[in-house]
Amino acid sequence: MDNPTNPTRALVDEAHHADNQRRFSAIEGRLEEGDSAMQQLRADLQENTAATIRIDSSTSDMVEFFQSMKGAFKVLNWIGALARPIGAIVLLCTSLWGAWTLWKTGVPPTPPHK
């Protein structure tokens, strides 16, 4: 049954061979398209990397400035947190001085003249 000299078998083998050649050609075409797309992606990636390095070097000063300003705002917040109790202490001392002056002289203190 499987006689290699059978003419029908030879026709079938030739048809398979032609079909395989078409498939291989299609696969090779797709591989070439994928290769060219990969090369384009690599070129784009190198361009993007160069742009990222340029942006990093140009914005590093701004980042350093913002980080130092963040520290400055922390210090200002600490000063603000200390200002409230200090203001209350100054207000208490002023009230006590006014009460002492009133008790000692009987006359309320007058504001300084201009």
PDB file of N, CA and C in Angstrom:
ATOM      1  N   MET A   1       0.800  -1.191   0.000  1.00  0.00           N
ATOM      2  CA  MET A   1       0.000   0.000   0.000  1.00  0.00           C
ATOM      3  C   MET A   1       0.844   1.258   0.000  1.00  0.00           C
ATOM      4  N   ASP A   2       1.885   1.283   0.809  1.00  0.00           N
ATOM      5  CA  ASP A   2       2.737   2.460   0.868  1.00  0.00           C
ATOM      6  C   ASP A   2       3.915   2.293  -0.077  1.00  0.00           C
ATOM      7  N   ASN A   3       3.655   2.245  -1.301  1.00  0.00           N
ATOM      8  CA  ASN A   3       4.700   2.100  -2.299  1.00  0.00           C
ATOM      9  C   ASN A   3       5.227   3.491  -2.646  1.00  0.00           C
ATOM     10  N   PRO A   4       6.551   3.765  -2.434  1.00  0.00           N
ATOM     11  CA  PRO A   4       7.079   5.104  -2.700  1.00  0.00           C
ATOM     12  C   PRO A   4       7.066   5.456  -4.185  1.00  0.00           C
ATOM     13  N   THR A   5       6.924   4.494  -5.043  1.00  0.00           N
ATOM     14  CA  THR A   5       6.902   4.793  -6.476  1.00  0.00           C
ATOM     15  C   THR A   5       5.485   5.017  -6.971  1.00  0.00           C
ATOM     16  N   ASN A   6       4.532   4.972  -6.099  1.00  0.00           N
ATOM     17  CA  ASN A   6       3.139   5.173  -6.452  1.00  0.00           C
ATOM     18  C   ASN A   6       2.967   6.614  -6.949  1.00  0.00           C
ATOM     19  N   PRO A   7       2.417   6.842  -8.152  1.00  0.00           N
ATOM     20  CA  PRO A   7       2.292   8.193  -8.683  1.00  0.00           C
ATOM     21  C   PRO A   7       1.339   9.064  -7.868  1.00  0.00           C
ATOM     22  N   THR A   8       0.338   8.464  -7.266  1.00  0.00           N
ATOM     23  CA  THR A   8      -0.576   9.242  -6.433  1.00  0.00           C
ATOM     24  C   THR A   8       0.155   9.768  -5.213  1.00  0.00           C
ATOM     25  N   ARG A   9       0.969   8.919  -4.639  1.00  0.00           N
ATOM     26  CA  ARG A   9       1.752   9.339  -3.460  1.00  0.00           C
ATOM     27  C   ARG A   9       2.705  10.478  -3.821  1.00  0.00           C
ATOM     28  N   ALA A  10       3.302  10.383  -5.007  1.00  0.00           N
ATOM     29  CA  ALA A  10       4.226  11.436  -5.434  1.00  0.00           C
ATOM     30  C   ALA A  10       3.494  12.755  -5.592  1.00  0.00           C
ATOM     31  N   LEU A  11       2.270  12.734  -6.116  1.00  0.00           N
ATOM     32  CA  LEU A  11       1.482  13.968  -6.254  1.00  0.00           C
ATOM     33  C   LEU A  11       1.125  14.551  -4.892  1.00  0.00           C
ATOM     34  N   VAL A  12       0.755  13.651  -3.987  1.00  0.00           N
ATOM     35  CA  VAL A  12       0.406  14.104  -2.628  1.00  0.00           C
ATOM     36  C   VAL A  12       1.632  14.709  -1.959  1.00  0.00           C
ATOM     37  N   ASP A  13       2.781  14.048  -2.080  1.00  0.00           N
ATOM     38  CA  ASP A  13       4.013  14.567  -1.477  1.00  0.00           C
ATOM     39  C   ASP A  13       4.383  15.921  -2.082  1.00  0.00           C
ATOM     40  N   GLU A  14       4.204  16.067  -3.360  1.00  0.00           N
ATOM     41  CA  GLU A  14       4.520  17.336  -4.018  1.00  0.00           C
ATOM     42  C   GLU A  14       3.580  18.440  -3.536  1.00  0.00           C
ATOM     43  N   ALA A  15       2.316  18.120  -3.347  1.00  0.00           N
ATOM     44  CA  ALA A  15       1.344  19.106  -2.848  1.00  0.00           C
ATOM     45  C   ALA A  15       1.695  19.509  -1.419  1.00  0.00           C
ATOM     46  N   HIS A  16       2.074  18.524  -0.594  1.00  0.00           N
ATOM     47  CA  HIS A  16       2.488  18.825   0.775  1.00  0.00           C
ATOM     48  C   HIS A  16       3.734  19.699   0.784  1.00  0.00           C
ATOM     49  N   HIS A  17       4.659  19.365  -0.119  1.00  0.00           N
ATOM     50  CA  HIS A  17       5.897  20.128  -0.190  1.00  0.00           C
ATOM     51  C   HIS A  17       5.607  21.587  -0.584  1.00  0.00           C
ATOM     52  N   ALA A  18       4.732  21.787  -1.550  1.00  0.00           N
ATOM     53  CA  ALA A  18       4.380  23.151  -1.978  1.00  0.00           C
ATOM     54  C   ALA A  18       3.676  23.896  -0.845  1.00  0.00           C
ATOM     55  N   ASP A  19       2.790  23.181  -0.150  1.00  0.00           N
ATOM     56  CA  ASP A  19       2.082  23.803   0.988  1.00  0.00           C
ATOM     57  C   ASP A  19       3.066  24.174   2.087  1.00  0.00           C
ATOM     58  N   ASN A  20       3.991  23.281   2.376  1.00  0.00           N
ATOM     59  CA  ASN A  20       5.003  23.574   3.403  1.00  0.00           C
ATOM     60  C   ASN A  20       5.877  24.760   2.992  1.00  0.00           C
ATOM     61  N   GLN A  21       6.231  24.849   1.713  1.00  0.00           N
ATOM     62  CA  GLN A  21       7.036  25.970   1.241  1.00  0.00           C
ATOM     63  C   GLN A  21       6.285  27.290   1.432  1.00  0.00           C
ATOM     64  N   ARG A  22       4.976  27.318   1.127  1.00  0.00           N
ATOM     65  CA  ARG A  22       4.170  28.515   1.339  1.00  0.00           C
ATOM     66  C   ARG A  22       4.140  28.900   2.824  1.00  0.00           C
ATOM     67  N   ARG A  23       3.942  27.886   3.652  1.00  0.00           N
ATOM     68  CA  ARG A  23       3.908  28.154   5.098  1.00  0.00           C
ATOM     69  C   ARG A  23       5.250  28.674   5.597  1.00  0.00           C
ATOM     70  N   PHE A  24       6.333  28.068   5.157  1.00  0.00           N
ATOM     71  CA  PHE A  24       7.667  28.523   5.578  1.00  0.00           C
ATOM     72  C   PHE A  24       7.934  29.948   5.103  1.00  0.00           C
ATOM     73  N   SER A  25       7.497  30.247   3.881  1.00  0.00           N
ATOM     74  CA  SER A  25       7.676  31.606   3.364  1.00  0.00           C
ATOM     75  C   SER A  25       6.886  32.611   4.208  1.00  0.00           C
ATOM     76  N   ALA A  26       5.664  32.243   4.580  1.00  0.00           N
ATOM     77  CA  ALA A  26       4.849  33.126   5.413  1.00  0.00           C
ATOM     78  C   ALA A  26       5.493  33.319   6.786  1.00  0.00           C
ATOM     79  N   ILE A  27       5.992  32.235   7.348  1.00  0.00           N
ATOM     80  CA  ILE A  27       6.649  32.313   8.660  1.00  0.00           C
ATOM     81  C   ILE A  27       7.898  33.181   8.582  1.00  0.00           C
ATOM     82  N   GLU A  28       8.692  33.001   7.520  1.00  0.00           N
ATOM     83  CA  GLU A  28       9.896  33.816   7.356  1.00  0.00           C
ATOM     84  C   GLU A  28       9.535  35.292   7.208  1.00  0.00           C
ATOM     85  N   GLY A  29       8.472  35.576   6.469  1.00  0.00           N
ATOM     86  CA  GLY A  29       8.014  36.971   6.324  1.00  0.00           C
ATOM     87  C   GLY A  29       7.611  37.568   7.662  1.00  0.00           C
ATOM     88  N   ARG A  30       6.875  36.798   8.442  1.00  0.00           N
ATOM     89  CA  ARG A  30       6.464  37.295   9.764  1.00  0.00           C
ATOM     90  C   ARG A  30       7.668  37.490  10.676  1.00  0.00           C
ATOM     91  N   LEU A  31       8.658  36.581  10.594  1.00  0.00           N
ATOM     92  CA  LEU A  31       9.870  36.733  11.394  1.00  0.00           C
ATOM     93  C   LEU A  31      10.647  37.982  10.991  1.00  0.00           C
ATOM     94  N   GLU A  32      10.720  38.254   9.681  1.00  0.00           N
ATOM     95  CA  GLU A  32      11.409  39.453   9.218  1.00  0.00           C
ATOM     96  C   GLU A  32      10.678  40.715   9.684  1.00  0.00           C
ATOM     97  N   GLU A  33       9.348  40.693   9.633  1.00  0.00           N
ATOM     98  CA  GLU A  33       8.564  41.830  10.141  1.00  0.00           C
ATOM     99  C   GLU A  33       8.814  42.017  11.634  1.00  0.00           C
ATOM    100  N   GLY A  34       8.837  40.919  12.368  1.00  0.00           N
ATOM    101  CA  GLY A  34       9.102  40.995  13.812  1.00  0.00           C
ATOM    102  C   GLY A  34      10.497  41.502  14.100  1.00  0.00           C
ATOM    103  N   ASP A  35      11.467  41.101  13.276  1.00  0.00           N
ATOM    104  CA  ASP A  35      12.842  41.561  13.454  1.00  0.00           C
ATOM    105  C   ASP A  35      12.944  43.058  13.204  1.00  0.00           C
ATOM    106  N   SER A  36      12.307  43.540  12.143  1.00  0.00           N
ATOM    107  CA  SER A  36      12.357  44.977  11.868  1.00  0.00           C
ATOM    108  C   SER A  36      11.617  45.764  12.953  1.00  0.00           C
ATOM    109  N   ALA A  37      10.502  45.219  13.451  1.00  0.00           N
ATOM    110  CA  ALA A  37       9.783  45.890  14.541  1.00  0.00           C
ATOM    111  C   ALA A  37      10.644  45.922  15.808  1.00  0.00           C
ATOM    112  N   MET A  38      11.360  44.839  16.076  1.00  0.00           N
ATOM    113  CA  MET A  38      12.232  44.788  17.259  1.00  0.00           C
ATOM    114  C   MET A  38      13.369  45.800  17.128  1.00  0.00           C
ATOM    115  N   GLN A  39      13.944  45.917  15.931  1.00  0.00           N
ATOM    116  CA  GLN A  39      15.004  46.902  15.727  1.00  0.00           C
ATOM    117  C   GLN A  39      14.482  48.318  15.923  1.00  0.00           C
ATOM    118  N   GLN A  40      13.271  48.589  15.448  1.00  0.00           N
ATOM    119  CA  GLN A  40      12.665  49.915  15.646  1.00  0.00           C
ATOM    120  C   GLN A  40      12.401  50.169  17.122  1.00  0.00           C
ATOM    121  N   LEU A  41      11.928  49.153  17.843  1.00  0.00           N
ATOM    122  CA  LEU A  41      11.696  49.305  19.282  1.00  0.00           C
ATOM    123  C   LEU A  41      12.995  49.591  20.022  1.00  0.00           C
ATOM    124  N   ARG A  42      14.071  48.917  19.631  1.00  0.00           N
ATOM    125  CA  ARG A  42      15.371  49.163  20.265  1.00  0.00           C
ATOM    126  C   ARG A  42      15.833  50.589  20.011  1.00  0.00           C
ATOM    127  N   ALA A  43      15.672  51.069  18.786  1.00  0.00           N
ATOM    128  CA  ALA A  43      16.066  52.446  18.465  1.00  0.00           C
ATOM    129  C   ALA A  43      15.223  53.438  19.264  1.00  0.00           C
ATOM    130  N   ASP A  44      13.915  53.187  19.346  1.00  0.00           N
ATOM    131  CA  ASP A  44      13.038  54.059  20.128  1.00  0.00           C
ATOM    132  C   ASP A  44      13.421  54.039  21.602  1.00  0.00           C
ATOM    133  N   LEU A  45      13.768  52.872  22.112  1.00  0.00           N
ATOM    134  CA  LEU A  45      14.157  52.750  23.515  1.00  0.00           C
ATOM    135  C   LEU A  45      15.439  53.519  23.795  1.00  0.00           C
ATOM    136  N   GLN A  46      16.404  53.440  22.875  1.00  0.00           N
ATOM    137  CA  GLN A  46      17.645  54.194  23.070  1.00  0.00           C
ATOM    138  C   GLN A  46      17.376  55.697  23.044  1.00  0.00           C
ATOM    139  N   GLU A  47      16.509  56.128  22.150  1.00  0.00           N
ATOM    140  CA  GLU A  47      16.149  57.550  22.080  1.00  0.00           C
ATOM    141  C   GLU A  47      15.441  57.986  23.360  1.00  0.00           C
ATOM    142  N   ASN A  48      14.540  57.147  23.850  1.00  0.00           N
ATOM    143  CA  ASN A  48      13.812  57.453  25.081  1.00  0.00           C
ATOM    144  C   ASN A  48      14.755  57.497  26.274  1.00  0.00           C
ATOM    145  N   THR A  49      15.707  56.586  26.326  1.00  0.00           N
ATOM    146  CA  THR A  49      16.681  56.571  27.418  1.00  0.00           C
ATOM    147  C   THR A  49      17.523  57.836  27.403  1.00  0.00           C
ATOM    148  N   ALA A  50      17.948  58.267  26.223  1.00  0.00           N
ATOM    149  CA  ALA A  50      18.732  59.496  26.115  1.00  0.00           C
ATOM    150  C   ALA A  50      17.912  60.699  26.576  1.00  0.00           C
ATOM    151  N   ALA A  51      16.640  60.747  26.193  1.00  0.00           N
ATOM    152  CA  ALA A  51      15.772  61.852  26.620  1.00  0.00           C
ATOM    153  C   ALA A  51      15.574  61.826  28.131  1.00  0.00           C
ATOM    154  N   THR A  52      15.419  60.651  28.693  1.00  0.00           N
ATOM    155  CA  THR A  52      15.242  60.537  30.147  1.00  0.00           C
ATOM    156  C   THR A  52      16.480  61.022  30.885  1.00  0.00           C
ATOM    157  N   ILE A  53      17.653  60.687  30.376  1.00  0.00           N
ATOM    158  CA  ILE A  53      18.901  61.140  31.009  1.00  0.00           C
ATOM    159  C   ILE A  53      19.011  62.651  30.917  1.00  0.00           C
ATOM    160  N   ARG A  54      18.644  63.241  29.764  1.00  0.00           N
ATOM    161  CA  ARG A  54      18.676  64.703  29.628  1.00  0.00           C
ATOM    162  C   ARG A  54      17.718  65.368  30.608  1.00  0.00           C
ATOM    163  N   ILE A  55      16.517  64.839  30.726  1.00  0.00           N
ATOM    164  CA  ILE A  55      15.524  65.421  31.636  1.00  0.00           C
ATOM    165  C   ILE A  55      15.980  65.273  33.076  1.00  0.00           C
ATOM    166  N   ASP A  56      16.553  64.128  33.417  1.00  0.00           N
ATOM    167  CA  ASP A  56      17.031  63.906  34.776  1.00  0.00           C
ATOM    168  C   ASP A  56      18.113  64.913  35.137  1.00  0.00           C
ATOM    169  N   SER A  57      19.040  65.141  34.221  1.00  0.00           N
ATOM    170  CA  SER A  57      20.119  66.072  34.528  1.00  0.00           C
ATOM    171  C   SER A  57      19.627  67.508  34.590  1.00  0.00           C
ATOM    172  N   SER A  58      18.595  67.846  33.820  1.00  0.00           N
ATOM    173  CA  SER A  58      18.108  69.225  33.834  1.00  0.00           C
ATOM    174  C   SER A  58      17.163  69.495  34.997  1.00  0.00           C
ATOM    175  N   THR A  59      16.527  68.468  35.535  1.00  0.00           N
ATOM    176  CA  THR A  59      15.583  68.702  36.628  1.00  0.00           C
ATOM    177  C   THR A  59      16.153  68.369  38.005  1.00  0.00           C
ATOM    178  N   SER A  60      17.388  67.901  38.057  1.00  0.00           N
ATOM    179  CA  SER A  60      17.942  67.521  39.362  1.00  0.00           C
ATOM    180  C   SER A  60      18.081  68.736  40.277  1.00  0.00           C
ATOM    181  N   ASP A  61      18.388  69.905  39.711  1.00  0.00           N
ATOM    182  CA  ASP A  61      18.474  71.115  40.535  1.00  0.00           C
ATOM    183  C   ASP A  61      17.113  71.486  41.110  1.00  0.00           C
ATOM    184  N   MET A  62      16.065  71.340  40.305  1.00  0.00           N
ATOM    185  CA  MET A  62      14.725  71.664  40.807  1.00  0.00           C
ATOM    186  C   MET A  62      14.320  70.702  41.917  1.00  0.00           C
ATOM    187  N   VAL A  63      14.634  69.438  41.758  1.00  0.00           N
ATOM    188  CA  VAL A  63      14.299  68.444  42.781  1.00  0.00           C
ATOM    189  C   VAL A  63      15.036  68.772  44.077  1.00  0.00           C
ATOM    190  N   GLU A  64      16.305  69.135  43.968  1.00  0.00           N
ATOM    191  CA  GLU A  64      17.090  69.502  45.154  1.00  0.00           C
ATOM    192  C   GLU A  64      16.489  70.740  45.830  1.00  0.00           C
ATOM    193  N   PHE A  65      16.063  71.720  45.047  1.00  0.00           N
ATOM    194  CA  PHE A  65      15.434  72.925  45.599  1.00  0.00           C
ATOM    195  C   PHE A  65      14.148  72.573  46.347  1.00  0.00           C
ATOM    196  N   PHE A  66      13.307  71.743  45.738  1.00  0.00           N
ATOM    197  CA  PHE A  66      12.046  71.382  46.391  1.00  0.00           C
ATOM    198  C   PHE A  66      12.281  70.583  47.676  1.00  0.00           C
ATOM    199  N   GLN A  67      13.302  69.749  47.677  1.00  0.00           N
ATOM    200  CA  GLN A  67      13.604  68.996  48.896  1.00  0.00           C
ATOM    201  C   GLN A  67      14.081  69.934  49.992  1.00  0.00           C
ATOM    202  N   SER A  68      14.883  70.940  49.643  1.00  0.00           N
ATOM    203  CA  SER A  68      15.327  71.892  50.669  1.00  0.00           C
ATOM    204  C   SER A  68      14.160  72.745  51.149  1.00  0.00           C
ATOM    205  N   MET A  69      13.230  73.069  50.253  1.00  0.00           N
ATOM    206  CA  MET A  69      12.052  73.838  50.674  1.00  0.00           C
ATOM    207  C   MET A  69      11.164  72.997  51.590  1.00  0.00           C
ATOM    208  N   LYS A  70      11.127  71.727  51.372  1.00  0.00           N
ATOM    209  CA  LYS A  70      10.357  70.845  52.254  1.00  0.00           C
ATOM    210  C   LYS A  70      10.919  70.920  53.669  1.00  0.00           C
ATOM    211  N   GLY A  71      12.255  70.912  53.783  1.00  0.00           N
ATOM    212  CA  GLY A  71      12.888  71.057  55.091  1.00  0.00           C
ATOM    213  C   GLY A  71      12.613  72.422  55.692  1.00  0.00           C
ATOM    214  N   ALA A  72      12.609  73.471  54.860  1.00  0.00           N
ATOM    215  CA  ALA A  72      12.332  74.822  55.361  1.00  0.00           C
ATOM    216  C   ALA A  72      10.910  74.907  55.901  1.00  0.00           C
ATOM    217  N   PHE A  73       9.970  74.285  55.237  1.00  0.00           N
ATOM    218  CA  PHE A  73       8.590  74.314  55.721  1.00  0.00           C
ATOM    219  C   PHE A  73       8.440  73.551  57.037  1.00  0.00           C
ATOM    220  N   LYS A  74       9.209  72.496  57.206  1.00  0.00           N
ATOM    221  CA  LYS A  74       9.178  71.793  58.494  1.00  0.00           C
ATOM    222  C   LYS A  74       9.640  72.724  59.610  1.00  0.00           C
ATOM    223  N   VAL A  75      10.730  73.465  59.358  1.00  0.00           N
ATOM    224  CA  VAL A  75      11.239  74.405  60.370  1.00  0.00           C
ATOM    225  C   VAL A  75      10.208  75.484  60.641  1.00  0.00           C
ATOM    226  N   LEU A  76       9.580  76.017  59.592  1.00  0.00           N
ATOM    227  CA  LEU A  76       8.552  77.046  59.798  1.00  0.00           C
ATOM    228  C   LEU A  76       7.369  76.498  60.583  1.00  0.00           C
ATOM    229  N   ASN A  77       7.012  75.251  60.362  1.00  0.00           N
ATOM    230  CA  ASN A  77       5.928  74.642  61.144  1.00  0.00           C
ATOM    231  C   ASN A  77       6.312  74.519  62.612  1.00  0.00           C
ATOM    232  N   TRP A  78       7.582  74.180  62.872  1.00  0.00           N
ATOM    233  CA  TRP A  78       8.028  74.102  64.266  1.00  0.00           C
ATOM    234  C   TRP A  78       7.978  75.481  64.918  1.00  0.00           C
ATOM    235  N   ILE A  79       8.412  76.503  64.189  1.00  0.00           N
ATOM    236  CA  ILE A  79       8.365  77.866  64.725  1.00  0.00           C
ATOM    237  C   ILE A  79       6.921  78.274  64.999  1.00  0.00           C
ATOM    238  N   GLY A  80       6.027  77.924  64.074  1.00  0.00           N
ATOM    239  CA  GLY A  80       4.606  78.226  64.269  1.00  0.00           C
ATOM    240  C   GLY A  80       4.032  77.488  65.465  1.00  0.00           C
ATOM    241  N   ALA A  81       4.472  76.268  65.675  1.00  0.00           N
ATOM    242  CA  ALA A  81       3.987  75.501  66.827  1.00  0.00           C
ATOM    243  C   ALA A  81       4.494  76.115  68.135  1.00  0.00           C
ATOM    244  N   LEU A  82       5.700  76.683  68.114  1.00  0.00           N
ATOM    245  CA  LEU A  82       6.228  77.342  69.308  1.00  0.00           C
ATOM    246  C   LEU A  82       5.620  78.722  69.516  1.00  0.00           C
ATOM    247  N   ALA A  83       5.183  79.382  68.458  1.00  0.00           N
ATOM    248  CA  ALA A  83       4.651  80.750  68.558  1.00  0.00           C
ATOM    249  C   ALA A  83       3.362  80.796  69.358  1.00  0.00           C
ATOM    250  N   ARG A  84       2.532  79.801  69.252  1.00  0.00           N
ATOM    251  CA  ARG A  84       1.264  79.820  69.999  1.00  0.00           C
ATOM    252  C   ARG A  84       1.485  79.828  71.510  1.00  0.00           C
ATOM    253  N   PRO A  85       2.240  78.880  72.050  1.00  0.00           N
ATOM    254  CA  PRO A  85       2.426  78.935  73.503  1.00  0.00           C
ATOM    255  C   PRO A  85       3.219  80.169  73.944  1.00  0.00           C
ATOM    256  N   ILE A  86       4.189  80.600  73.125  1.00  0.00           N
ATOM    257  CA  ILE A  86       4.946  81.803  73.494  1.00  0.00           C
ATOM    258  C   ILE A  86       4.019  83.010  73.494  1.00  0.00           C
ATOM    259  N   GLY A  87       3.132  83.091  72.536  1.00  0.00           N
ATOM    260  CA  GLY A  87       2.147  84.186  72.501  1.00  0.00           C
ATOM    261  C   GLY A  87       1.248  84.156  73.719  1.00  0.00           C
ATOM    262  N   ALA A  88       0.844  82.978  74.135  1.00  0.00           N
ATOM    263  CA  ALA A  88      -0.004  82.873  75.330  1.00  0.00           C
ATOM    264  C   ALA A  88       0.769  83.303  76.568  1.00  0.00           C
ATOM    265  N   ILE A  89       2.055  82.952  76.648  1.00  0.00           N
ATOM    266  CA  ILE A  89       2.874  83.352  77.806  1.00  0.00           C
ATOM    267  C   ILE A  89       3.056  84.867  77.817  1.00  0.00           C
ATOM    268  N   VAL A  90       3.318  85.463  76.654  1.00  0.00           N
ATOM    269  CA  VAL A  90       3.454  86.923  76.580  1.00  0.00           C
ATOM    270  C   VAL A  90       2.149  87.591  76.970  1.00  0.00           C
ATOM    271  N   LEU A  91       1.028  87.080  76.525  1.00  0.00           N
ATOM    272  CA  LEU A  91      -0.276  87.631  76.887  1.00  0.00           C
ATOM    273  C   LEU A  91      -0.503  87.524  78.384  1.00  0.00           C
ATOM    274  N   LEU A  92      -0.159  86.410  78.993  1.00  0.00           N
ATOM    275  CA  LEU A  92      -0.305  86.238  80.434  1.00  0.00           C
ATOM    276  C   LEU A  92       0.568  87.229  81.192  1.00  0.00           C
ATOM    277  N   CYS A  93       1.832  87.392  80.754  1.00  0.00           N
ATOM    278  CA  CYS A  93       2.748  88.333  81.424  1.00  0.00           C
ATOM    279  C   CYS A  93       2.246  89.762  81.305  1.00  0.00           C
ATOM    280  N   THR A  94       1.738  90.115  80.122  1.00  0.00           N
ATOM    281  CA  THR A  94       1.200  91.470  79.928  1.00  0.00           C
ATOM    282  C   THR A  94      -0.009  91.693  80.811  1.00  0.00           C
ATOM    283  N   SER A  95      -0.867  90.715  80.913  1.00  0.00           N
ATOM    284  CA  SER A  95      -2.048  90.840  81.779  1.00  0.00           C
ATOM    285  C   SER A  95      -1.633  90.978  83.239  1.00  0.00           C
ATOM    286  N   LEU A  96      -0.672  90.160  83.660  1.00  0.00           N
ATOM    287  CA  LEU A  96      -0.206  90.254  85.052  1.00  0.00           C
ATOM    288  C   LEU A  96       0.449  91.608  85.326  1.00  0.00           C
ATOM    289  N   TRP A  97       1.232  92.116  84.363  1.00  0.00           N
ATOM    290  CA  TRP A  97       1.858  93.425  84.547  1.00  0.00           C
ATOM    291  C   TRP A  97       0.792  94.512  84.649  1.00  0.00           C
ATOM    292  N   GLY A  98      -0.214  94.437  83.781  1.00  0.00           N
ATOM    293  CA  GLY A  98      -1.300  95.422  83.841  1.00  0.00           C
ATOM    294  C   GLY A  98      -2.048  95.335  85.159  1.00  0.00           C
ATOM    295  N   ALA A  99      -2.324  94.114  85.621  1.00  0.00           N
ATOM    296  CA  ALA A  99      -3.024  93.950  86.906  1.00  0.00           C
ATOM    297  C   ALA A  99      -2.148  94.467  88.049  1.00  0.00           C
ATOM    298  N   TRP A 100      -0.853  94.202  88.013  1.00  0.00           N
ATOM    299  CA  TRP A 100       0.061  94.687  89.063  1.00  0.00           C
ATOM    300  C   TRP A 100       0.123  96.213  89.067  1.00  0.00           C
ATOM    301  N   THR A 101       0.205  96.805  87.881  1.00  0.00           N
ATOM    302  CA  THR A 101       0.244  98.267  87.790  1.00  0.00           C
ATOM    303  C   THR A 101      -1.056  98.864  88.302  1.00  0.00           C
ATOM    304  N   LEU A 102      -2.174  98.302  87.945  1.00  0.00           N
ATOM    305  CA  LEU A 102      -3.472  98.802  88.400  1.00  0.00           C
ATOM    306  C   LEU A 102      -3.594  98.665  89.910  1.00  0.00           C
ATOM    307  N   TRP A 103      -3.170  97.597  90.488  1.00  0.00           N
ATOM    308  CA  TRP A 103      -3.282  97.374  91.918  1.00  0.00           C
ATOM    309  C   TRP A 103      -2.337  98.308  92.677  1.00  0.00           C
ATOM    310  N   LYS A 104      -1.138  98.516  92.144  1.00  0.00           N
ATOM    311  CA  LYS A 104      -0.145  99.331  92.817  1.00  0.00           C
ATOM    312  C   LYS A 104      -0.464 100.819  92.723  1.00  0.00           C
ATOM    313  N   THR A 105      -0.911 101.319  91.565  1.00  0.00           N
ATOM    314  CA  THR A 105      -1.132 102.749  91.381  1.00  0.00           C
ATOM    315  C   THR A 105      -2.591 103.118  91.376  1.00  0.00           C
ATOM    316  N   GLY A 106      -3.429 102.228  91.068  1.00  0.00           N
ATOM    317  CA  GLY A 106      -4.852 102.540  91.004  1.00  0.00           C
ATOM    318  C   GLY A 106      -5.227 103.160  89.660  1.00  0.00           C
ATOM    319  N   VAL A 107      -4.260 103.334  88.795  1.00  0.00           N
ATOM    320  CA  VAL A 107      -4.512 103.928  87.488  1.00  0.00           C
ATOM    321  C   VAL A 107      -4.116 102.914  86.425  1.00  0.00           C
ATOM    322  N   PRO A 108      -4.990 102.720  85.453  1.00  0.00           N
ATOM    323  CA  PRO A 108      -4.604 101.767  84.416  1.00  0.00           C
ATOM    324  C   PRO A 108      -3.430 102.296  83.594  1.00  0.00           C
ATOM    325  N   PRO A 109      -2.573 101.435  83.090  1.00  0.00           N
ATOM    326  CA  PRO A 109      -1.449 101.904  82.292  1.00  0.00           C
ATOM    327  C   PRO A 109      -1.928 102.560  80.996  1.00  0.00           C
ATOM    328  N   THR A 110      -1.255 103.618  80.609  1.00  0.00           N
ATOM    329  CA  THR A 110      -1.629 104.299  79.371  1.00  0.00           C
ATOM    330  C   THR A 110      -0.676 103.838  78.263  1.00  0.00           C
ATOM    331  N   PRO A 111      -1.206 103.783  77.071  1.00  0.00           N
ATOM    332  CA  PRO A 111      -0.337 103.380  75.971  1.00  0.00           C
ATOM    333  C   PRO A 111       0.702 104.474  75.712  1.00  0.00           C
ATOM    334  N   PRO A 112       1.837 104.106  75.172  1.00  0.00           N
ATOM    335  CA  PRO A 112       2.848 105.120  74.905  1.00  0.00           C
ATOM    336  C   PRO A 112       2.352 106.131  73.873  1.00  0.00           C
ATOM    337  N   HIS A 113       2.782 107.388  74.041  1.00  0.00           N
ATOM    338  CA  HIS A 113       2.384 108.455  73.118  1.00  0.00           C
ATOM    339  C   HIS A 113       3.243 108.431  71.878  1.00  0.00           C
ATOM    340  N   LYS A 114       2.661 108.856  70.823  1.00  0.00           N
ATOM    341  CA  LYS A 114       3.388 108.852  69.542  1.00  0.00           C
ATOM    342  C   LYS A 114       4.213 110.099  69.393  1.00  0.00           C
TER     343      LYS A 114
END
